[in-house]
Amino acid sequence: MKLYELSTLDTVIFGAGKAAAGLEAWIAKGEGRLCGAWGTDIGTLNRIFVLRSFDDLDSMMAERERAIRSADPFGCVEHLVSLNMESYRALDFLPSVEPGTYGPIYEFRTYRTKINGIVPTMEKWAEAVPPREAYSKLTVAMYGLDGPPRLTQIWPYESLAARAEARSRSVADGKWPPKGGPDWLTPDMTSQIALPLSFSPLK
């Protein structure tokens, strides 16, 4: 499955725990496959990320419309402040996201690319990701199908210390960032750290 929806649910204070049961039930009744669900710990707080995969655009859009038309989207509207749903496709060379225990620290990074930067960025990443994964695994990297041109990545780590070690070593060894890759990016970049919710297939 190469199509993904990344939903961002901003909640009331301490809302992730309150929303979890309703969110799990909502997802179970819908289409697509749940890959992971996380609550933020560093960055924008009181935020939930939900990553689902879909076989085709029709099923993803049907699920999007189910949320938009619902009186209780994601089963937790009483705890929500805002809701954003984005469509993505995984970079061409990457396998589908598989459940498992890789964290519990997950970093969500989004880069805005230059207007024509998606394909050149993907080509650079295709060369650089395999050696980079010797330092830490990549869950997925995907480009937006709606909104501004952007690349969103999810990287799991055993700890914040392991994250720092993997990033510093890969840079020091010349394995990351992809050579020439930053040339296709803009300075508009964000990073957030999130932890899996209890029902997340990605732990």
N, C-alpha and C. Protein backbone atom coordinates (compact mmCIF):
# COMPACT_ATOMS: atom_id res chain seq x y z
N MET A 1 0.84 -1.18 0.00
CA MET A 1 0.00 0.00 0.00
C MET A 1 0.88 1.24 0.00
N LYS A 2 0.73 2.07 -0.99
CA LYS A 2 1.59 3.23 -1.13
C LYS A 2 0.88 4.54 -0.82
N LEU A 3 -0.46 4.52 -0.69
CA LEU A 3 -1.21 5.73 -0.41
C LEU A 3 -1.47 5.83 1.09
N TYR A 4 -1.25 7.02 1.62
CA TYR A 4 -1.40 7.22 3.06
C TYR A 4 -2.19 8.49 3.34
N GLU A 5 -2.91 8.45 4.45
CA GLU A 5 -3.52 9.65 5.00
C GLU A 5 -2.88 9.90 6.36
N LEU A 6 -2.38 11.11 6.54
CA LEU A 6 -1.86 11.52 7.84
C LEU A 6 -2.83 12.56 8.40
N SER A 7 -3.53 12.18 9.44
CA SER A 7 -4.48 13.08 10.08
C SER A 7 -3.84 13.69 11.31
N THR A 8 -4.05 14.97 11.49
CA THR A 8 -3.53 15.69 12.65
C THR A 8 -4.71 16.20 13.45
N LEU A 9 -4.83 15.71 14.68
CA LEU A 9 -5.94 16.08 15.55
C LEU A 9 -5.38 16.90 16.71
N ASP A 10 -5.69 18.17 16.75
CA ASP A 10 -5.31 19.01 17.88
C ASP A 10 -6.42 18.95 18.91
N THR A 11 -6.05 18.68 20.15
CA THR A 11 -7.03 18.40 21.19
C THR A 11 -6.99 19.42 22.31
N VAL A 12 -7.95 19.28 23.20
CA VAL A 12 -7.93 20.05 24.44
C VAL A 12 -6.72 19.60 25.25
N ILE A 13 -6.43 20.28 26.35
CA ILE A 13 -5.30 19.91 27.19
C ILE A 13 -5.46 18.48 27.70
N PHE A 14 -4.40 17.69 27.56
CA PHE A 14 -4.40 16.27 27.92
C PHE A 14 -5.46 15.49 27.14
N GLY A 15 -5.74 15.93 25.92
CA GLY A 15 -6.83 15.34 25.15
C GLY A 15 -6.52 14.00 24.52
N ALA A 16 -5.25 13.67 24.31
CA ALA A 16 -4.93 12.42 23.62
C ALA A 16 -5.47 11.21 24.37
N GLY A 17 -5.25 11.19 25.67
CA GLY A 17 -5.75 10.07 26.47
C GLY A 17 -7.26 10.01 26.48
N LYS A 18 -7.90 11.17 26.52
CA LYS A 18 -9.36 11.21 26.54
C LYS A 18 -9.95 10.76 25.21
N ALA A 19 -9.25 11.04 24.13
CA ALA A 19 -9.78 10.76 22.79
C ALA A 19 -9.50 9.35 22.31
N ALA A 20 -8.58 8.63 22.96
CA ALA A 20 -8.05 7.39 22.42
C ALA A 20 -9.13 6.33 22.16
N ALA A 21 -10.03 6.11 23.11
CA ALA A 21 -11.02 5.04 22.95
C ALA A 21 -11.96 5.31 21.78
N GLY A 22 -12.46 6.54 21.68
CA GLY A 22 -13.34 6.89 20.58
C GLY A 22 -12.61 6.84 19.25
N LEU A 23 -11.38 7.27 19.24
CA LEU A 23 -10.57 7.26 18.02
C LEU A 23 -10.34 5.84 17.53
N GLU A 24 -10.00 4.95 18.43
CA GLU A 24 -9.78 3.55 18.05
C GLU A 24 -11.04 2.94 17.45
N ALA A 25 -12.18 3.20 18.06
CA ALA A 25 -13.44 2.64 17.56
C ALA A 25 -13.80 3.22 16.20
N TRP A 26 -13.58 4.50 16.01
CA TRP A 26 -13.87 5.17 14.73
C TRP A 26 -13.04 4.54 13.60
N ILE A 27 -11.77 4.36 13.85
CA ILE A 27 -10.88 3.82 12.82
C ILE A 27 -11.28 2.39 12.48
N ALA A 28 -11.65 1.61 13.48
CA ALA A 28 -12.01 0.21 13.25
C ALA A 28 -13.23 0.07 12.34
N LYS A 29 -14.10 1.06 12.32
CA LYS A 29 -15.32 1.00 11.51
C LYS A 29 -15.11 1.50 10.08
N GLY A 30 -13.94 2.06 9.79
CA GLY A 30 -13.72 2.69 8.50
C GLY A 30 -12.91 1.83 7.54
N GLU A 31 -12.56 2.43 6.41
CA GLU A 31 -11.76 1.77 5.39
C GLU A 31 -10.28 2.03 5.66
N GLY A 32 -9.45 1.33 4.92
CA GLY A 32 -8.02 1.52 5.06
C GLY A 32 -7.45 0.70 6.20
N ARG A 33 -6.14 0.79 6.37
CA ARG A 33 -5.42 0.04 7.41
C ARG A 33 -4.72 1.03 8.33
N LEU A 34 -4.95 0.89 9.62
CA LEU A 34 -4.26 1.73 10.58
C LEU A 34 -2.80 1.32 10.66
N CYS A 35 -1.91 2.27 10.42
CA CYS A 35 -0.48 2.03 10.56
C CYS A 35 0.02 2.44 11.94
N GLY A 36 -0.44 3.62 12.40
CA GLY A 36 0.01 4.08 13.70
C GLY A 36 -0.80 5.25 14.20
N ALA A 37 -0.76 5.45 15.51
CA ALA A 37 -1.41 6.60 16.15
C ALA A 37 -0.50 7.04 17.30
N TRP A 38 -0.26 8.34 17.38
CA TRP A 38 0.71 8.87 18.34
C TRP A 38 0.19 10.15 18.98
N GLY A 39 0.67 10.41 20.18
CA GLY A 39 0.45 11.69 20.83
C GLY A 39 1.77 12.42 20.98
N THR A 40 1.78 13.71 20.70
CA THR A 40 3.04 14.46 20.71
C THR A 40 3.55 14.66 22.13
N ASP A 41 4.89 14.70 22.22
CA ASP A 41 5.56 14.92 23.50
C ASP A 41 6.51 16.12 23.44
N ILE A 42 7.04 16.38 22.25
CA ILE A 42 7.92 17.53 22.02
C ILE A 42 7.47 18.20 20.73
N GLY A 43 7.37 19.51 20.73
CA GLY A 43 6.86 20.26 19.58
C GLY A 43 5.51 20.82 19.93
N THR A 44 4.56 20.76 19.02
CA THR A 44 3.20 21.20 19.30
C THR A 44 2.52 20.16 20.18
N LEU A 45 2.14 20.54 21.37
CA LEU A 45 1.58 19.61 22.33
C LEU A 45 0.07 19.45 22.13
N ASN A 46 -0.49 18.44 22.83
CA ASN A 46 -1.93 18.14 22.74
C ASN A 46 -2.34 17.82 21.30
N ARG A 47 -1.48 17.09 20.63
CA ARG A 47 -1.69 16.75 19.22
C ARG A 47 -1.62 15.25 19.04
N ILE A 48 -2.47 14.73 18.18
CA ILE A 48 -2.47 13.32 17.82
C ILE A 48 -2.19 13.20 16.32
N PHE A 49 -1.32 12.27 15.95
CA PHE A 49 -1.11 11.91 14.56
C PHE A 49 -1.71 10.53 14.31
N VAL A 50 -2.43 10.38 13.22
CA VAL A 50 -2.97 9.09 12.81
C VAL A 50 -2.53 8.83 11.37
N LEU A 51 -1.83 7.72 11.16
CA LEU A 51 -1.37 7.34 9.82
C LEU A 51 -2.13 6.09 9.39
N ARG A 52 -2.84 6.20 8.24
CA ARG A 52 -3.54 5.05 7.66
C ARG A 52 -3.11 4.86 6.22
N SER A 53 -3.12 3.62 5.76
CA SER A 53 -2.78 3.32 4.37
C SER A 53 -4.02 2.86 3.64
N PHE A 54 -4.03 3.10 2.32
CA PHE A 54 -5.19 2.78 1.48
C PHE A 54 -4.71 2.16 0.18
N ASP A 55 -5.57 1.30 -0.38
CA ASP A 55 -5.24 0.63 -1.64
C ASP A 55 -5.44 1.54 -2.85
N ASP A 56 -6.35 2.51 -2.73
CA ASP A 56 -6.64 3.37 -3.86
C ASP A 56 -7.20 4.70 -3.37
N LEU A 57 -7.22 5.67 -4.27
CA LEU A 57 -7.69 7.01 -3.92
C LEU A 57 -9.17 7.02 -3.59
N ASP A 58 -9.96 6.18 -4.25
CA ASP A 58 -11.40 6.16 -4.00
C ASP A 58 -11.69 5.82 -2.54
N SER A 59 -11.02 4.80 -2.03
CA SER A 59 -11.28 4.41 -0.64
C SER A 59 -10.76 5.47 0.33
N MET A 60 -9.66 6.11 -0.01
CA MET A 60 -9.15 7.17 0.87
C MET A 60 -10.10 8.36 0.87
N MET A 61 -10.62 8.73 -0.28
CA MET A 61 -11.54 9.86 -0.34
C MET A 61 -12.88 9.53 0.30
N ALA A 62 -13.32 8.27 0.22
CA ALA A 62 -14.55 7.86 0.89
C ALA A 62 -14.39 8.00 2.40
N GLU A 63 -13.23 7.63 2.89
CA GLU A 63 -12.98 7.75 4.32
C GLU A 63 -12.86 9.22 4.74
N ARG A 64 -12.28 10.02 3.87
CA ARG A 64 -12.20 11.46 4.13
C ARG A 64 -13.60 12.06 4.23
N GLU A 65 -14.48 11.66 3.31
CA GLU A 65 -15.84 12.19 3.32
C GLU A 65 -16.62 11.69 4.53
N ARG A 66 -16.34 10.47 4.96
CA ARG A 66 -17.00 9.96 6.17
C ARG A 66 -16.71 10.88 7.36
N ALA A 67 -15.48 11.34 7.46
CA ALA A 67 -15.13 12.24 8.56
C ALA A 67 -15.78 13.60 8.40
N ILE A 68 -15.75 14.13 7.19
CA ILE A 68 -16.28 15.47 6.95
C ILE A 68 -17.78 15.54 7.21
N ARG A 69 -18.49 14.47 6.87
CA ARG A 69 -19.95 14.47 7.00
C ARG A 69 -20.43 14.01 8.38
N SER A 70 -19.50 13.55 9.20
CA SER A 70 -19.88 12.98 10.48
C SER A 70 -20.17 14.06 11.54
N ALA A 71 -21.13 13.74 12.42
CA ALA A 71 -21.37 14.61 13.57
C ALA A 71 -20.32 14.40 14.65
N ASP A 72 -19.57 13.31 14.55
CA ASP A 72 -18.54 13.00 15.54
C ASP A 72 -17.30 12.45 14.83
N PRO A 73 -16.61 13.28 14.03
CA PRO A 73 -15.45 12.79 13.28
C PRO A 73 -14.37 12.25 14.19
N PHE A 74 -13.85 11.09 13.80
CA PHE A 74 -12.81 10.38 14.54
C PHE A 74 -13.27 9.97 15.94
N GLY A 75 -14.57 10.04 16.17
CA GLY A 75 -15.13 9.53 17.41
C GLY A 75 -14.73 10.28 18.66
N CYS A 76 -14.23 11.51 18.49
CA CYS A 76 -13.73 12.23 19.67
C CYS A 76 -13.90 13.74 19.52
N VAL A 77 -14.95 14.17 18.83
CA VAL A 77 -15.09 15.59 18.52
C VAL A 77 -15.16 16.46 19.78
N GLU A 78 -15.65 15.89 20.87
CA GLU A 78 -15.76 16.68 22.10
C GLU A 78 -14.39 17.06 22.65
N HIS A 79 -13.36 16.35 22.22
CA HIS A 79 -12.00 16.63 22.69
C HIS A 79 -11.16 17.36 21.65
N LEU A 80 -11.72 17.65 20.47
CA LEU A 80 -10.94 18.23 19.37
C LEU A 80 -11.04 19.74 19.34
N VAL A 81 -9.93 20.35 18.98
CA VAL A 81 -9.86 21.79 18.71
C VAL A 81 -9.79 22.03 17.21
N SER A 82 -9.05 21.16 16.51
CA SER A 82 -8.96 21.25 15.05
C SER A 82 -8.63 19.88 14.48
N LEU A 83 -8.91 19.73 13.19
CA LEU A 83 -8.69 18.47 12.49
C LEU A 83 -8.17 18.76 11.10
N ASN A 84 -7.08 18.11 10.72
CA ASN A 84 -6.51 18.28 9.38
C ASN A 84 -6.18 16.91 8.82
N MET A 85 -6.61 16.64 7.59
CA MET A 85 -6.37 15.35 6.94
C MET A 85 -5.62 15.59 5.64
N GLU A 86 -4.47 14.94 5.48
CA GLU A 86 -3.61 15.15 4.33
C GLU A 86 -3.38 13.83 3.60
N SER A 87 -3.29 13.92 2.28
CA SER A 87 -3.07 12.74 1.43
C SER A 87 -1.61 12.68 1.01
N TYR A 88 -1.06 11.47 1.03
CA TYR A 88 0.34 11.28 0.68
C TYR A 88 0.53 10.02 -0.16
N ARG A 89 1.65 10.00 -0.88
CA ARG A 89 2.12 8.78 -1.53
C ARG A 89 3.55 8.55 -1.07
N ALA A 90 3.86 7.31 -0.73
CA ALA A 90 5.22 6.98 -0.31
C ALA A 90 6.20 7.17 -1.46
N LEU A 91 7.42 7.52 -1.14
CA LEU A 91 8.46 7.60 -2.17
C LEU A 91 8.53 6.25 -2.92
N ASP A 92 8.75 6.33 -4.21
CA ASP A 92 8.58 5.18 -5.10
C ASP A 92 9.35 3.94 -4.67
N PHE A 93 10.52 4.12 -4.09
CA PHE A 93 11.39 2.99 -3.82
C PHE A 93 11.15 2.35 -2.45
N LEU A 94 10.23 2.88 -1.67
CA LEU A 94 10.05 2.39 -0.31
C LEU A 94 9.00 1.28 -0.23
N PRO A 95 9.18 0.31 0.67
CA PRO A 95 8.16 -0.72 0.89
C PRO A 95 7.01 -0.15 1.71
N SER A 96 5.93 -0.90 1.82
CA SER A 96 4.80 -0.48 2.64
C SER A 96 5.18 -0.46 4.11
N VAL A 97 4.50 0.37 4.86
CA VAL A 97 4.73 0.45 6.30
C VAL A 97 4.24 -0.84 6.94
N GLU A 98 5.07 -1.42 7.79
CA GLU A 98 4.73 -2.67 8.47
C GLU A 98 4.64 -2.42 9.97
N PRO A 99 3.63 -3.03 10.63
CA PRO A 99 3.53 -2.87 12.08
C PRO A 99 4.71 -3.51 12.80
N GLY A 100 4.95 -3.06 14.02
CA GLY A 100 6.04 -3.62 14.80
C GLY A 100 6.49 -2.65 15.86
N THR A 101 7.45 -3.08 16.66
CA THR A 101 7.99 -2.25 17.74
C THR A 101 9.33 -1.70 17.28
N TYR A 102 9.37 -0.41 17.03
CA TYR A 102 10.58 0.24 16.54
C TYR A 102 10.95 1.45 17.41
N GLY A 103 10.00 1.95 18.18
CA GLY A 103 10.19 3.16 18.97
C GLY A 103 10.68 2.87 20.37
N PRO A 104 10.12 3.60 21.35
CA PRO A 104 8.84 4.32 21.30
C PRO A 104 8.92 5.79 20.89
N ILE A 105 10.12 6.26 20.54
CA ILE A 105 10.26 7.65 20.11
C ILE A 105 10.06 7.71 18.60
N TYR A 106 9.09 8.50 18.14
CA TYR A 106 8.87 8.68 16.70
C TYR A 106 9.00 10.16 16.37
N GLU A 107 9.84 10.44 15.39
CA GLU A 107 10.02 11.82 14.94
C GLU A 107 9.28 12.03 13.63
N PHE A 108 8.45 13.05 13.61
CA PHE A 108 7.71 13.45 12.41
C PHE A 108 8.37 14.71 11.87
N ARG A 109 8.97 14.61 10.69
CA ARG A 109 9.65 15.75 10.06
C ARG A 109 8.95 16.08 8.74
N THR A 110 8.66 17.34 8.53
CA THR A 110 8.07 17.78 7.26
C THR A 110 8.91 18.88 6.67
N TYR A 111 9.30 18.72 5.40
CA TYR A 111 10.05 19.71 4.65
C TYR A 111 9.19 20.24 3.51
N ARG A 112 9.11 21.53 3.39
CA ARG A 112 8.53 22.12 2.19
C ARG A 112 9.59 22.10 1.11
N THR A 113 9.26 21.55 -0.04
CA THR A 113 10.21 21.51 -1.15
C THR A 113 9.99 22.70 -2.08
N LYS A 114 10.94 22.92 -2.96
CA LYS A 114 10.71 23.86 -4.05
C LYS A 114 9.56 23.34 -4.91
N ILE A 115 8.97 24.22 -5.67
CA ILE A 115 7.75 23.85 -6.41
C ILE A 115 7.97 22.63 -7.29
N ASN A 116 9.13 22.51 -7.89
CA ASN A 116 9.42 21.36 -8.76
C ASN A 116 10.40 20.40 -8.09
N GLY A 117 10.37 20.34 -6.77
CA GLY A 117 11.42 19.63 -6.05
C GLY A 117 11.13 18.20 -5.64
N ILE A 118 9.92 17.70 -5.84
CA ILE A 118 9.59 16.38 -5.31
C ILE A 118 10.39 15.27 -6.00
N VAL A 119 10.37 15.22 -7.32
CA VAL A 119 11.07 14.13 -8.02
C VAL A 119 12.58 14.21 -7.79
N PRO A 120 13.23 15.38 -7.92
CA PRO A 120 14.67 15.42 -7.62
C PRO A 120 14.98 15.00 -6.18
N THR A 121 14.14 15.39 -5.24
CA THR A 121 14.35 14.99 -3.85
C THR A 121 14.24 13.47 -3.72
N MET A 122 13.24 12.88 -4.35
CA MET A 122 13.05 11.43 -4.29
C MET A 122 14.25 10.70 -4.88
N GLU A 123 14.79 11.20 -5.96
CA GLU A 123 15.95 10.57 -6.58
C GLU A 123 17.15 10.60 -5.65
N LYS A 124 17.36 11.73 -4.97
CA LYS A 124 18.46 11.83 -4.02
C LYS A 124 18.26 10.88 -2.85
N TRP A 125 17.02 10.79 -2.36
CA TRP A 125 16.74 9.92 -1.23
C TRP A 125 16.89 8.45 -1.59
N ALA A 126 16.55 8.07 -2.81
CA ALA A 126 16.67 6.68 -3.23
C ALA A 126 18.11 6.19 -3.09
N GLU A 127 19.06 7.08 -3.32
CA GLU A 127 20.47 6.72 -3.20
C GLU A 127 20.93 6.70 -1.75
N ALA A 128 20.37 7.60 -0.93
CA ALA A 128 20.90 7.83 0.40
C ALA A 128 20.21 7.05 1.51
N VAL A 129 18.94 6.67 1.33
CA VAL A 129 18.22 6.03 2.43
C VAL A 129 18.82 4.67 2.82
N PRO A 130 19.17 3.78 1.89
CA PRO A 130 19.72 2.49 2.33
C PRO A 130 20.93 2.62 3.25
N PRO A 131 21.95 3.42 2.92
CA PRO A 131 23.06 3.55 3.88
C PRO A 131 22.65 4.27 5.16
N ARG A 132 21.68 5.20 5.07
CA ARG A 132 21.22 5.89 6.29
C ARG A 132 20.53 4.94 7.25
N GLU A 133 19.85 3.91 6.71
CA GLU A 133 19.15 2.98 7.58
C GLU A 133 20.09 2.05 8.35
N ALA A 134 21.37 2.10 8.06
CA ALA A 134 22.33 1.38 8.89
C ALA A 134 22.43 2.00 10.28
N TYR A 135 21.99 3.25 10.40
CA TYR A 135 22.04 3.97 11.67
C TYR A 135 20.70 3.93 12.41
N SER A 136 19.61 4.00 11.68
CA SER A 136 18.27 3.87 12.26
C SER A 136 17.27 3.67 11.14
N LYS A 137 16.20 2.95 11.46
CA LYS A 137 15.21 2.57 10.46
C LYS A 137 14.33 3.76 10.09
N LEU A 138 13.89 3.81 8.85
CA LEU A 138 12.91 4.78 8.37
C LEU A 138 11.55 4.10 8.30
N THR A 139 10.54 4.66 8.97
CA THR A 139 9.20 4.10 8.87
C THR A 139 8.61 4.38 7.50
N VAL A 140 8.63 5.64 7.09
CA VAL A 140 8.13 6.03 5.78
C VAL A 140 8.59 7.45 5.47
N ALA A 141 8.75 7.72 4.19
CA ALA A 141 8.91 9.09 3.69
C ALA A 141 7.93 9.22 2.54
N MET A 142 7.18 10.31 2.51
CA MET A 142 6.08 10.42 1.55
C MET A 142 5.89 11.86 1.14
N TYR A 143 5.37 12.03 -0.08
CA TYR A 143 5.15 13.38 -0.58
C TYR A 143 3.65 13.68 -0.63
N GLY A 144 3.31 14.94 -0.39
CA GLY A 144 1.92 15.34 -0.33
C GLY A 144 1.26 15.33 -1.69
N LEU A 145 0.02 14.87 -1.72
CA LEU A 145 -0.79 14.89 -2.94
C LEU A 145 -1.77 16.07 -2.94
N ASP A 146 -1.84 16.78 -1.83
CA ASP A 146 -2.66 17.97 -1.74
C ASP A 146 -1.88 19.01 -0.94
N GLY A 147 -2.31 20.26 -1.01
CA GLY A 147 -1.58 21.30 -0.30
C GLY A 147 -0.25 21.61 -0.96
N PRO A 148 0.63 22.31 -0.26
CA PRO A 148 1.91 22.71 -0.85
C PRO A 148 2.84 21.52 -1.06
N PRO A 149 3.78 21.60 -2.00
CA PRO A 149 4.74 20.52 -2.19
C PRO A 149 5.55 20.31 -0.91
N ARG A 150 5.57 19.07 -0.42
CA ARG A 150 6.24 18.81 0.85
C ARG A 150 6.60 17.33 0.94
N LEU A 151 7.53 17.06 1.82
CA LEU A 151 7.99 15.71 2.11
C LEU A 151 7.87 15.50 3.61
N THR A 152 7.12 14.47 4.01
CA THR A 152 6.97 14.14 5.42
C THR A 152 7.61 12.79 5.69
N GLN A 153 8.40 12.73 6.76
CA GLN A 153 9.12 11.51 7.13
C GLN A 153 8.76 11.12 8.55
N ILE A 154 8.79 9.84 8.83
CA ILE A 154 8.60 9.34 10.18
C ILE A 154 9.77 8.42 10.50
N TRP A 155 10.51 8.78 11.55
CA TRP A 155 11.70 8.03 11.96
C TRP A 155 11.51 7.53 13.39
N PRO A 156 11.63 6.23 13.64
CA PRO A 156 11.53 5.70 15.01
C PRO A 156 12.90 5.54 15.66
N TYR A 157 12.92 5.71 16.98
CA TYR A 157 14.15 5.54 17.75
C TYR A 157 13.81 4.92 19.10
N GLU A 158 14.78 4.23 19.67
CA GLU A 158 14.58 3.63 20.99
C GLU A 158 14.53 4.70 22.08
N SER A 159 15.22 5.81 21.86
CA SER A 159 15.28 6.87 22.86
C SER A 159 15.72 8.16 22.18
N LEU A 160 15.60 9.26 22.89
CA LEU A 160 16.11 10.53 22.36
C LEU A 160 17.63 10.48 22.21
N ALA A 161 18.29 9.76 23.10
CA ALA A 161 19.74 9.62 22.99
C ALA A 161 20.12 8.84 21.74
N ALA A 162 19.34 7.79 21.43
CA ALA A 162 19.60 7.01 20.22
C ALA A 162 19.37 7.85 18.97
N ARG A 163 18.37 8.72 19.03
CA ARG A 163 18.12 9.63 17.91
C ARG A 163 19.32 10.53 17.69
N ALA A 164 19.79 11.15 18.75
CA ALA A 164 20.93 12.06 18.63
C ALA A 164 22.16 11.33 18.09
N GLU A 165 22.39 10.11 18.57
CA GLU A 165 23.54 9.33 18.13
C GLU A 165 23.43 8.98 16.64
N ALA A 166 22.27 8.48 16.21
CA ALA A 166 22.10 8.10 14.81
C ALA A 166 22.26 9.29 13.88
N ARG A 167 21.68 10.40 14.27
CA ARG A 167 21.76 11.59 13.42
C ARG A 167 23.19 12.13 13.35
N SER A 168 23.87 12.21 14.47
CA SER A 168 25.22 12.77 14.47
C SER A 168 26.21 11.85 13.75
N ARG A 169 26.09 10.54 13.95
CA ARG A 169 27.00 9.61 13.30
C ARG A 169 26.79 9.58 11.79
N SER A 170 25.52 9.58 11.35
CA SER A 170 25.26 9.52 9.91
C SER A 170 25.78 10.77 9.20
N VAL A 171 25.71 11.91 9.87
CA VAL A 171 26.24 13.15 9.30
C VAL A 171 27.77 13.11 9.30
N ALA A 172 28.34 12.70 10.42
CA ALA A 172 29.80 12.66 10.52
C ALA A 172 30.41 11.69 9.51
N ASP A 173 29.70 10.60 9.23
CA ASP A 173 30.20 9.60 8.27
C ASP A 173 29.90 9.97 6.82
N GLY A 174 29.22 11.10 6.61
CA GLY A 174 28.91 11.54 5.25
C GLY A 174 27.77 10.78 4.59
N LYS A 175 26.96 10.10 5.38
CA LYS A 175 25.85 9.31 4.83
C LYS A 175 24.53 10.08 4.78
N TRP A 176 24.46 11.21 5.44
CA TRP A 176 23.23 11.99 5.51
C TRP A 176 23.57 13.44 5.76
N PRO A 177 22.88 14.40 5.20
CA PRO A 177 21.71 14.27 4.32
C PRO A 177 22.10 13.80 2.92
N PRO A 178 21.12 13.45 2.10
CA PRO A 178 21.43 13.02 0.73
C PRO A 178 22.22 14.10 0.00
N LYS A 179 23.22 13.68 -0.70
CA LYS A 179 24.06 14.63 -1.43
C LYS A 179 23.22 15.38 -2.47
N GLY A 180 23.19 16.70 -2.35
CA GLY A 180 22.40 17.53 -3.25
C GLY A 180 20.94 17.62 -2.88
N GLY A 181 20.50 16.82 -1.91
CA GLY A 181 19.10 16.82 -1.52
C GLY A 181 18.59 18.15 -0.98
N PRO A 182 19.34 18.78 -0.07
CA PRO A 182 18.88 20.06 0.47
C PRO A 182 18.72 21.16 -0.58
N ASP A 183 19.35 21.01 -1.74
CA ASP A 183 19.22 22.02 -2.79
C ASP A 183 17.79 22.18 -3.26
N TRP A 184 16.95 21.13 -3.04
CA TRP A 184 15.57 21.15 -3.52
C TRP A 184 14.57 21.47 -2.42
N LEU A 185 15.09 21.85 -1.24
CA LEU A 185 14.23 22.15 -0.11
C LEU A 185 14.18 23.64 0.17
N THR A 186 13.14 24.07 0.87
CA THR A 186 13.06 25.44 1.36
C THR A 186 13.39 25.42 2.86
N PRO A 187 13.60 26.58 3.48
CA PRO A 187 13.88 26.60 4.92
C PRO A 187 12.68 26.27 5.79
N ASP A 188 11.51 26.06 5.21
CA ASP A 188 10.29 25.77 5.96
C ASP A 188 10.29 24.30 6.36
N MET A 189 10.74 24.02 7.59
CA MET A 189 10.87 22.65 8.08
C MET A 189 10.33 22.57 9.50
N THR A 190 9.71 21.45 9.83
CA THR A 190 9.22 21.23 11.18
C THR A 190 9.62 19.84 11.66
N SER A 191 9.72 19.71 12.98
CA SER A 191 10.03 18.42 13.59
C SER A 191 9.24 18.30 14.89
N GLN A 192 8.61 17.13 15.09
CA GLN A 192 7.87 16.88 16.32
C GLN A 192 8.14 15.45 16.78
N ILE A 193 8.19 15.28 18.08
CA ILE A 193 8.41 13.97 18.68
C ILE A 193 7.09 13.49 19.27
N ALA A 194 6.71 12.25 18.95
CA ALA A 194 5.45 11.70 19.43
C ALA A 194 5.65 10.27 19.91
N LEU A 195 4.76 9.85 20.81
CA LEU A 195 4.80 8.51 21.40
C LEU A 195 3.57 7.73 20.98
N PRO A 196 3.68 6.42 20.75
CA PRO A 196 2.52 5.63 20.30
C PRO A 196 1.41 5.61 21.33
N LEU A 197 0.17 5.70 20.85
CA LEU A 197 -0.99 5.45 21.71
C LEU A 197 -1.13 3.94 21.91
N SER A 198 -1.93 3.56 22.86
CA SER A 198 -1.97 2.15 23.28
C SER A 198 -2.38 1.20 22.16
N PHE A 199 -3.22 1.66 21.23
CA PHE A 199 -3.73 0.78 20.16
C PHE A 199 -2.94 0.90 18.86
N SER A 200 -1.86 1.63 18.86
CA SER A 200 -1.08 1.83 17.63
C SER A 200 -0.37 0.56 17.20
N PRO A 201 -0.49 0.14 15.93
CA PRO A 201 0.27 -1.01 15.44
C PRO A 201 1.77 -0.75 15.40
N LEU A 202 2.16 0.50 15.24
CA LEU A 202 3.56 0.89 15.33
C LEU A 202 3.84 1.30 16.76
N LYS A 203 4.71 0.58 17.41
CA LYS A 203 5.03 0.83 18.82
C LYS A 203 6.42 1.46 18.97
